[in-house]
Amino acid sequence: SGQVRGLCGTFNGDQRDEFTTPEGDVEPSVAAFANAFRAAGACPALGPGIPDPCDGFPGSRERAEAACAVLMGPAFQ
């Protein structure tokens, strides 16, 4: 706790600084934060909207919803 920083956040209990970039800036949006870690030329920059991961993996939505149903079920309440 308090010793990490990156795409997984800061893990310091303060959600206001979760989107801290490698330069130390705090970005207001997910897209701007993710783009700060993007390797130039490795992948396209994210736009302002968050893409639906199921759009890129047809058939995955059903498997994801089944897995989430377990996590949202009585065993984890």
PDB file of N, CA and C in Angstrom:
ATOM      1  N   SER A   1       0.825  -1.178   0.000  1.00  0.00           N
ATOM      2  CA  SER A   1       0.000   0.000   0.000  1.00  0.00           C
ATOM      3  C   SER A   1       0.878   1.255   0.000  1.00  0.00           C
ATOM      4  N   GLY A   2       0.517   2.208  -0.855  1.00  0.00           N
ATOM      5  CA  GLY A   2       1.255   3.466  -0.900  1.00  0.00           C
ATOM      6  C   GLY A   2       2.582   3.388  -1.630  1.00  0.00           C
ATOM      7  N   GLN A   3       2.901   2.247  -2.230  1.00  0.00           N
ATOM      8  CA  GLN A   3       4.194   2.094  -2.902  1.00  0.00           C
ATOM      9  C   GLN A   3       4.056   1.792  -4.383  1.00  0.00           C
ATOM     10  N   VAL A   4       2.838   1.858  -4.917  1.00  0.00           N
ATOM     11  CA  VAL A   4       2.642   1.564  -6.332  1.00  0.00           C
ATOM     12  C   VAL A   4       2.073   2.775  -7.050  1.00  0.00           C
ATOM     13  N   ARG A   5       2.280   2.792  -8.357  1.00  0.00           N
ATOM     14  CA  ARG A   5       1.705   3.833  -9.200  1.00  0.00           C
ATOM     15  C   ARG A   5       1.731   3.316 -10.623  1.00  0.00           C
ATOM     16  N   GLY A   6       0.665   3.503 -11.352  1.00  0.00           N
ATOM     17  CA  GLY A   6       0.612   3.040 -12.733  1.00  0.00           C
ATOM     18  C   GLY A   6      -0.807   2.776 -13.168  1.00  0.00           C
ATOM     19  N   LEU A   7      -0.948   1.898 -14.153  1.00  0.00           N
ATOM     20  CA  LEU A   7      -2.267   1.609 -14.703  1.00  0.00           C
ATOM     21  C   LEU A   7      -3.202   0.999 -13.675  1.00  0.00           C
ATOM     22  N   CYS A   8      -2.681   0.408 -12.632  1.00  0.00           N
ATOM     23  CA  CYS A   8      -3.528  -0.181 -11.587  1.00  0.00           C
ATOM     24  C   CYS A   8      -3.841   0.812 -10.473  1.00  0.00           C
ATOM     25  N   GLY A   9      -3.435   2.047 -10.595  1.00  0.00           N
ATOM     26  CA  GLY A   9      -3.735   3.063  -9.591  1.00  0.00           C
ATOM     27  C   GLY A   9      -2.605   3.251  -8.592  1.00  0.00           C
ATOM     28  N   THR A  10      -2.919   3.941  -7.507  1.00  0.00           N
ATOM     29  CA  THR A  10      -1.901   4.273  -6.508  1.00  0.00           C
ATOM     30  C   THR A  10      -1.994   3.430  -5.249  1.00  0.00           C
ATOM     31  N   PHE A  11      -3.152   2.816  -5.007  1.00  0.00           N
ATOM     32  CA  PHE A  11      -3.380   1.959  -3.839  1.00  0.00           C
ATOM     33  C   PHE A  11      -2.953   2.643  -2.542  1.00  0.00           C
ATOM     34  N   ASN A  12      -3.421   3.889  -2.382  1.00  0.00           N
ATOM     35  CA  ASN A  12      -3.092   4.624  -1.161  1.00  0.00           C
ATOM     36  C   ASN A  12      -4.340   5.070  -0.395  1.00  0.00           C
ATOM     37  N   GLY A  13      -5.518   4.601  -0.822  1.00  0.00           N
ATOM     38  CA  GLY A  13      -6.750   4.948  -0.131  1.00  0.00           C
ATOM     39  C   GLY A  13      -7.366   6.257  -0.591  1.00  0.00           C
ATOM     40  N   ASP A  14      -6.700   6.993  -1.477  1.00  0.00           N
ATOM     41  CA  ASP A  14      -7.209   8.273  -1.967  1.00  0.00           C
ATOM     42  C   ASP A  14      -7.594   8.112  -3.431  1.00  0.00           C
ATOM     43  N   GLN A  15      -8.886   7.985  -3.720  1.00  0.00           N
ATOM     44  CA  GLN A  15      -9.330   7.757  -5.090  1.00  0.00           C
ATOM     45  C   GLN A  15      -9.139   8.970  -5.991  1.00  0.00           C
ATOM     46  N   ARG A  16      -8.877  10.124  -5.428  1.00  0.00           N
ATOM     47  CA  ARG A  16      -8.698  11.321  -6.256  1.00  0.00           C
ATOM     48  C   ARG A  16      -7.418  11.285  -7.074  1.00  0.00           C
ATOM     49  N   ASP A  17      -6.439  10.453  -6.701  1.00  0.00           N
ATOM     50  CA  ASP A  17      -5.181  10.415  -7.448  1.00  0.00           C
ATOM     51  C   ASP A  17      -4.954   9.083  -8.176  1.00  0.00           C
ATOM     52  N   GLU A  18      -6.028   8.312  -8.393  1.00  0.00           N
ATOM     53  CA  GLU A  18      -5.896   7.018  -9.060  1.00  0.00           C
ATOM     54  C   GLU A  18      -5.400   7.147 -10.497  1.00  0.00           C
ATOM     55  N   PHE A  19      -5.728   8.236 -11.175  1.00  0.00           N
ATOM     56  CA  PHE A  19      -5.333   8.414 -12.570  1.00  0.00           C
ATOM     57  C   PHE A  19      -4.055   9.246 -12.680  1.00  0.00           C
ATOM     58  N   THR A  20      -3.060   8.970 -11.851  1.00  0.00           N
ATOM     59  CA  THR A  20      -1.784   9.682 -11.898  1.00  0.00           C
ATOM     60  C   THR A  20      -0.932   9.125 -13.039  1.00  0.00           C
ATOM     61  N   THR A  21      -0.465  10.011 -13.917  1.00  0.00           N
ATOM     62  CA  THR A  21       0.328   9.617 -15.081  1.00  0.00           C
ATOM     63  C   THR A  21       1.799   9.429 -14.694  1.00  0.00           C
ATOM     64  N   PRO A  22       2.595   8.866 -15.603  1.00  0.00           N
ATOM     65  CA  PRO A  22       4.032   8.736 -15.319  1.00  0.00           C
ATOM     66  C   PRO A  22       4.708  10.075 -15.022  1.00  0.00           C
ATOM     67  N   GLU A  23       4.141  11.170 -15.548  1.00  0.00           N
ATOM     68  CA  GLU A  23       4.709  12.502 -15.305  1.00  0.00           C
ATOM     69  C   GLU A  23       4.250  13.099 -13.983  1.00  0.00           C
ATOM     70  N   GLY A  24       3.312  12.432 -13.296  1.00  0.00           N
ATOM     71  CA  GLY A  24       2.822  12.929 -12.016  1.00  0.00           C
ATOM     72  C   GLY A  24       1.552  13.745 -12.105  1.00  0.00           C
ATOM     73  N   ASP A  25       1.013  13.918 -13.322  1.00  0.00           N
ATOM     74  CA  ASP A  25      -0.252  14.645 -13.490  1.00  0.00           C
ATOM     75  C   ASP A  25      -1.411  13.716 -13.146  1.00  0.00           C
ATOM     76  N   VAL A  26      -2.513  14.276 -12.679  1.00  0.00           N
ATOM     77  CA  VAL A  26      -3.725  13.497 -12.430  1.00  0.00           C
ATOM     78  C   VAL A  26      -4.712  13.825 -13.542  1.00  0.00           C
ATOM     79  N   GLU A  27      -5.023  12.815 -14.361  1.00  0.00           N
ATOM     80  CA  GLU A  27      -5.939  13.004 -15.488  1.00  0.00           C
ATOM     81  C   GLU A  27      -7.389  12.873 -15.033  1.00  0.00           C
ATOM     82  N   PRO A  28      -8.295  13.649 -15.636  1.00  0.00           N
ATOM     83  CA  PRO A  28      -9.697  13.592 -15.230  1.00  0.00           C
ATOM     84  C   PRO A  28     -10.487  12.449 -15.872  1.00  0.00           C
ATOM     85  N   SER A  29      -9.954  11.844 -16.936  1.00  0.00           N
ATOM     86  CA  SER A  29     -10.726  10.812 -17.631  1.00  0.00           C
ATOM     87  C   SER A  29      -9.903   9.541 -17.825  1.00  0.00           C
ATOM     88  N   VAL A  30     -10.612   8.442 -18.000  1.00  0.00           N
ATOM     89  CA  VAL A  30      -9.965   7.148 -18.227  1.00  0.00           C
ATOM     90  C   VAL A  30      -9.148   7.176 -19.514  1.00  0.00           C
ATOM     91  N   ALA A  31      -9.714   7.738 -20.591  1.00  0.00           N
ATOM     92  CA  ALA A  31      -9.030   7.756 -21.876  1.00  0.00           C
ATOM     93  C   ALA A  31      -7.723   8.538 -21.798  1.00  0.00           C
ATOM     94  N   ALA A  32      -7.746   9.718 -21.201  1.00  0.00           N
ATOM     95  CA  ALA A  32      -6.530  10.523 -21.085  1.00  0.00           C
ATOM     96  C   ALA A  32      -5.486   9.808 -20.234  1.00  0.00           C
ATOM     97  N   PHE A  33      -5.928   9.147 -19.175  1.00  0.00           N
ATOM     98  CA  PHE A  33      -5.019   8.396 -18.314  1.00  0.00           C
ATOM     99  C   PHE A  33      -4.382   7.243 -19.076  1.00  0.00           C
ATOM    100  N   ALA A  34      -5.193   6.456 -19.775  1.00  0.00           N
ATOM    101  CA  ALA A  34      -4.664   5.321 -20.535  1.00  0.00           C
ATOM    102  C   ALA A  34      -3.728   5.788 -21.633  1.00  0.00           C
ATOM    103  N   ASN A  35      -4.061   6.878 -22.308  1.00  0.00           N
ATOM    104  CA  ASN A  35      -3.202   7.391 -23.377  1.00  0.00           C
ATOM    105  C   ASN A  35      -1.846   7.850 -22.851  1.00  0.00           C
ATOM    106  N   ALA A  36      -1.774   8.264 -21.593  1.00  0.00           N
ATOM    107  CA  ALA A  36      -0.496   8.685 -21.004  1.00  0.00           C
ATOM    108  C   ALA A  36       0.482   7.516 -20.893  1.00  0.00           C
ATOM    109  N   PHE A  37      -0.035   6.294 -20.824  1.00  0.00           N
ATOM    110  CA  PHE A  37       0.820   5.109 -20.722  1.00  0.00           C
ATOM    111  C   PHE A  37       1.026   4.420 -22.069  1.00  0.00           C
ATOM    112  N   ARG A  38       0.408   4.919 -23.117  1.00  0.00           N
ATOM    113  CA  ARG A  38       0.475   4.299 -24.446  1.00  0.00           C
ATOM    114  C   ARG A  38       1.855   4.469 -25.052  1.00  0.00           C
ATOM    115  N   ALA A  39       2.394   3.371 -25.563  1.00  0.00           N
ATOM    116  CA  ALA A  39       3.676   3.436 -26.274  1.00  0.00           C
ATOM    117  C   ALA A  39       3.406   3.990 -27.667  1.00  0.00           C
ATOM    118  N   ALA A  40       4.147   4.998 -28.074  1.00  0.00           N
ATOM    119  CA  ALA A  40       3.928   5.640 -29.365  1.00  0.00           C
ATOM    120  C   ALA A  40       3.980   4.614 -30.487  1.00  0.00           C
ATOM    121  N   GLY A  41       2.949   4.605 -31.304  1.00  0.00           N
ATOM    122  CA  GLY A  41       2.903   3.718 -32.455  1.00  0.00           C
ATOM    123  C   GLY A  41       2.478   2.295 -32.146  1.00  0.00           C
ATOM    124  N   ALA A  42       2.375   1.921 -30.876  1.00  0.00           N
ATOM    125  CA  ALA A  42       2.038   0.547 -30.521  1.00  0.00           C
ATOM    126  C   ALA A  42       0.548   0.266 -30.689  1.00  0.00           C
ATOM    127  N   CYS A  43      -0.284   1.254 -30.447  1.00  0.00           N
ATOM    128  CA  CYS A  43      -1.728   1.074 -30.570  1.00  0.00           C
ATOM    129  C   CYS A  43      -2.363   2.447 -30.730  1.00  0.00           C
ATOM    130  N   PRO A  44      -3.575   2.494 -31.268  1.00  0.00           N
ATOM    131  CA  PRO A  44      -4.229   3.797 -31.447  1.00  0.00           C
ATOM    132  C   PRO A  44      -4.628   4.409 -30.103  1.00  0.00           C
ATOM    133  N   ALA A  45      -4.646   5.728 -30.075  1.00  0.00           N
ATOM    134  CA  ALA A  45      -5.064   6.431 -28.862  1.00  0.00           C
ATOM    135  C   ALA A  45      -6.543   6.201 -28.626  1.00  0.00           C
ATOM    136  N   LEU A  46      -6.939   6.150 -27.370  1.00  0.00           N
ATOM    137  CA  LEU A  46      -8.346   6.004 -27.016  1.00  0.00           C
ATOM    138  C   LEU A  46      -9.054   7.330 -27.202  1.00  0.00           C
ATOM    139  N   GLY A  47     -10.290   7.256 -27.637  1.00  0.00           N
ATOM    140  CA  GLY A  47     -11.119   8.445 -27.744  1.00  0.00           C
ATOM    141  C   GLY A  47     -11.749   8.743 -26.399  1.00  0.00           C
ATOM    142  N   PRO A  48     -12.645   9.718 -26.349  1.00  0.00           N
ATOM    143  CA  PRO A  48     -13.241  10.086 -25.066  1.00  0.00           C
ATOM    144  C   PRO A  48     -14.174   9.019 -24.495  1.00  0.00           C
ATOM    145  N   GLY A  49     -14.740   8.176 -25.338  1.00  0.00           N
ATOM    146  CA  GLY A  49     -15.631   7.128 -24.849  1.00  0.00           C
ATOM    147  C   GLY A  49     -14.841   5.863 -24.531  1.00  0.00           C
ATOM    148  N   ILE A  50     -15.354   5.061 -23.624  1.00  0.00           N
ATOM    149  CA  ILE A  50     -14.702   3.807 -23.273  1.00  0.00           C
ATOM    150  C   ILE A  50     -15.266   2.721 -24.178  1.00  0.00           C
ATOM    151  N   PRO A  51     -14.421   2.036 -24.961  1.00  0.00           N
ATOM    152  CA  PRO A  51     -14.951   1.003 -25.856  1.00  0.00           C
ATOM    153  C   PRO A  51     -15.484  -0.190 -25.063  1.00  0.00           C
ATOM    154  N   ASP A  52     -16.498  -0.819 -25.597  1.00  0.00           N
ATOM    155  CA  ASP A  52     -17.060  -2.014 -24.977  1.00  0.00           C
ATOM    156  C   ASP A  52     -16.162  -3.186 -25.349  1.00  0.00           C
ATOM    157  N   PRO A  53     -15.515  -3.837 -24.382  1.00  0.00           N
ATOM    158  CA  PRO A  53     -14.595  -4.924 -24.702  1.00  0.00           C
ATOM    159  C   PRO A  53     -15.265  -6.089 -25.405  1.00  0.00           C
ATOM    160  N   CYS A  54     -16.560  -6.262 -25.226  1.00  0.00           N
ATOM    161  CA  CYS A  54     -17.264  -7.364 -25.880  1.00  0.00           C
ATOM    162  C   CYS A  54     -17.394  -7.144 -27.384  1.00  0.00           C
ATOM    163  N   ASP A  55     -17.303  -5.883 -27.843  1.00  0.00           N
ATOM    164  CA  ASP A  55     -17.388  -5.619 -29.275  1.00  0.00           C
ATOM    165  C   ASP A  55     -16.212  -6.237 -30.026  1.00  0.00           C
ATOM    166  N   GLY A  56     -15.051  -6.295 -29.402  1.00  0.00           N
ATOM    167  CA  GLY A  56     -13.866  -6.853 -30.044  1.00  0.00           C
ATOM    168  C   GLY A  56     -13.755  -8.359 -29.922  1.00  0.00           C
ATOM    169  N   PHE A  57     -14.584  -8.962 -29.102  1.00  0.00           N
ATOM    170  CA  PHE A  57     -14.524 -10.401 -28.872  1.00  0.00           C
ATOM    171  C   PHE A  57     -15.929 -10.992 -28.936  1.00  0.00           C
ATOM    172  N   PRO A  58     -16.444 -11.214 -30.144  1.00  0.00           N
ATOM    173  CA  PRO A  58     -17.805 -11.750 -30.267  1.00  0.00           C
ATOM    174  C   PRO A  58     -17.949 -13.074 -29.496  1.00  0.00           C
ATOM    175  N   GLY A  59     -19.062 -13.222 -28.828  1.00  0.00           N
ATOM    176  CA  GLY A  59     -19.309 -14.432 -28.063  1.00  0.00           C
ATOM    177  C   GLY A  59     -18.821 -14.357 -26.636  1.00  0.00           C
ATOM    178  N   SER A  60     -18.045 -13.351 -26.310  1.00  0.00           N
ATOM    179  CA  SER A  60     -17.493 -13.237 -24.963  1.00  0.00           C
ATOM    180  C   SER A  60     -18.493 -12.672 -23.959  1.00  0.00           C
ATOM    181  N   ARG A  61     -19.456 -11.931 -24.438  1.00  0.00           N
ATOM    182  CA  ARG A  61     -20.408 -11.288 -23.533  1.00  0.00           C
ATOM    183  C   ARG A  61     -21.122 -12.326 -22.663  1.00  0.00           C
ATOM    184  N   GLU A  62     -21.568 -13.421 -23.274  1.00  0.00           N
ATOM    185  CA  GLU A  62     -22.281 -14.447 -22.525  1.00  0.00           C
ATOM    186  C   GLU A  62     -21.388 -15.065 -21.448  1.00  0.00           C
ATOM    187  N   ARG A  63     -20.136 -15.365 -21.799  1.00  0.00           N
ATOM    188  CA  ARG A  63     -19.204 -15.933 -20.813  1.00  0.00           C
ATOM    189  C   ARG A  63     -18.911 -14.937 -19.696  1.00  0.00           C
ATOM    190  N   ALA A  64     -18.763 -13.669 -20.043  1.00  0.00           N
ATOM    191  CA  ALA A  64     -18.486 -12.646 -19.035  1.00  0.00           C
ATOM    192  C   ALA A  64     -19.672 -12.465 -18.100  1.00  0.00           C
ATOM    193  N   GLU A  65     -20.880 -12.450 -18.655  1.00  0.00           N
ATOM    194  CA  GLU A  65     -22.069 -12.285 -17.824  1.00  0.00           C
ATOM    195  C   GLU A  65     -22.258 -13.483 -16.895  1.00  0.00           C
ATOM    196  N   ALA A  66     -21.935 -14.687 -17.368  1.00  0.00           N
ATOM    197  CA  ALA A  66     -22.037 -15.879 -16.516  1.00  0.00           C
ATOM    198  C   ALA A  66     -21.021 -15.814 -15.377  1.00  0.00           C
ATOM    199  N   ALA A  67     -19.807 -15.375 -15.687  1.00  0.00           N
ATOM    200  CA  ALA A  67     -18.776 -15.261 -14.646  1.00  0.00           C
ATOM    201  C   ALA A  67     -19.151 -14.183 -13.629  1.00  0.00           C
ATOM    202  N   CYS A  68     -19.676 -13.065 -14.096  1.00  0.00           N
ATOM    203  CA  CYS A  68     -20.073 -11.989 -13.187  1.00  0.00           C
ATOM    204  C   CYS A  68     -21.258 -12.402 -12.321  1.00  0.00           C
ATOM    205  N   ALA A  69     -22.134 -13.237 -12.869  1.00  0.00           N
ATOM    206  CA  ALA A  69     -23.288 -13.691 -12.093  1.00  0.00           C
ATOM    207  C   ALA A  69     -22.828 -14.446 -10.852  1.00  0.00           C
ATOM    208  N   VAL A  70     -21.763 -15.195 -10.975  1.00  0.00           N
ATOM    209  CA  VAL A  70     -21.222 -15.915  -9.805  1.00  0.00           C
ATOM    210  C   VAL A  70     -20.729 -14.911  -8.776  1.00  0.00           C
ATOM    211  N   LEU A  71     -19.999 -13.893  -9.225  1.00  0.00           N
ATOM    212  CA  LEU A  71     -19.457 -12.893  -8.305  1.00  0.00           C
ATOM    213  C   LEU A  71     -20.548 -12.044  -7.647  1.00  0.00           C
ATOM    214  N   MET A  72     -21.635 -11.860  -8.360  1.00  0.00           N
ATOM    215  CA  MET A  72     -22.733 -11.057  -7.823  1.00  0.00           C
ATOM    216  C   MET A  72     -23.736 -11.908  -7.032  1.00  0.00           C
ATOM    217  N   GLY A  73     -23.519 -13.208  -7.007  1.00  0.00           N
ATOM    218  CA  GLY A  73     -24.439 -14.126  -6.350  1.00  0.00           C
ATOM    219  C   GLY A  73     -24.289 -14.165  -4.844  1.00  0.00           C
ATOM    220  N   PRO A  74     -25.088 -15.009  -4.191  1.00  0.00           N
ATOM    221  CA  PRO A  74     -25.133 -15.063  -2.724  1.00  0.00           C
ATOM    222  C   PRO A  74     -23.802 -15.480  -2.088  1.00  0.00           C
ATOM    223  N   ALA A  75     -22.989 -16.226  -2.775  1.00  0.00           N
ATOM    224  CA  ALA A  75     -21.720 -16.677  -2.180  1.00  0.00           C
ATOM    225  C   ALA A  75     -20.803 -15.499  -1.837  1.00  0.00           C
ATOM    226  N   PHE A  76     -20.934 -14.376  -2.545  1.00  0.00           N
ATOM    227  CA  PHE A  76     -20.055 -13.234  -2.329  1.00  0.00           C
ATOM    228  C   PHE A  76     -20.762 -12.043  -1.676  1.00  0.00           C
ATOM    229  N   GLN A  77     -21.940 -12.258  -1.129  1.00  0.00           N
ATOM    230  CA  GLN A  77     -22.652 -11.139  -0.507  1.00  0.00           C
ATOM    231  C   GLN A  77     -22.311 -11.047   0.964  1.00  0.00           C
TER     232      GLN A  77
END
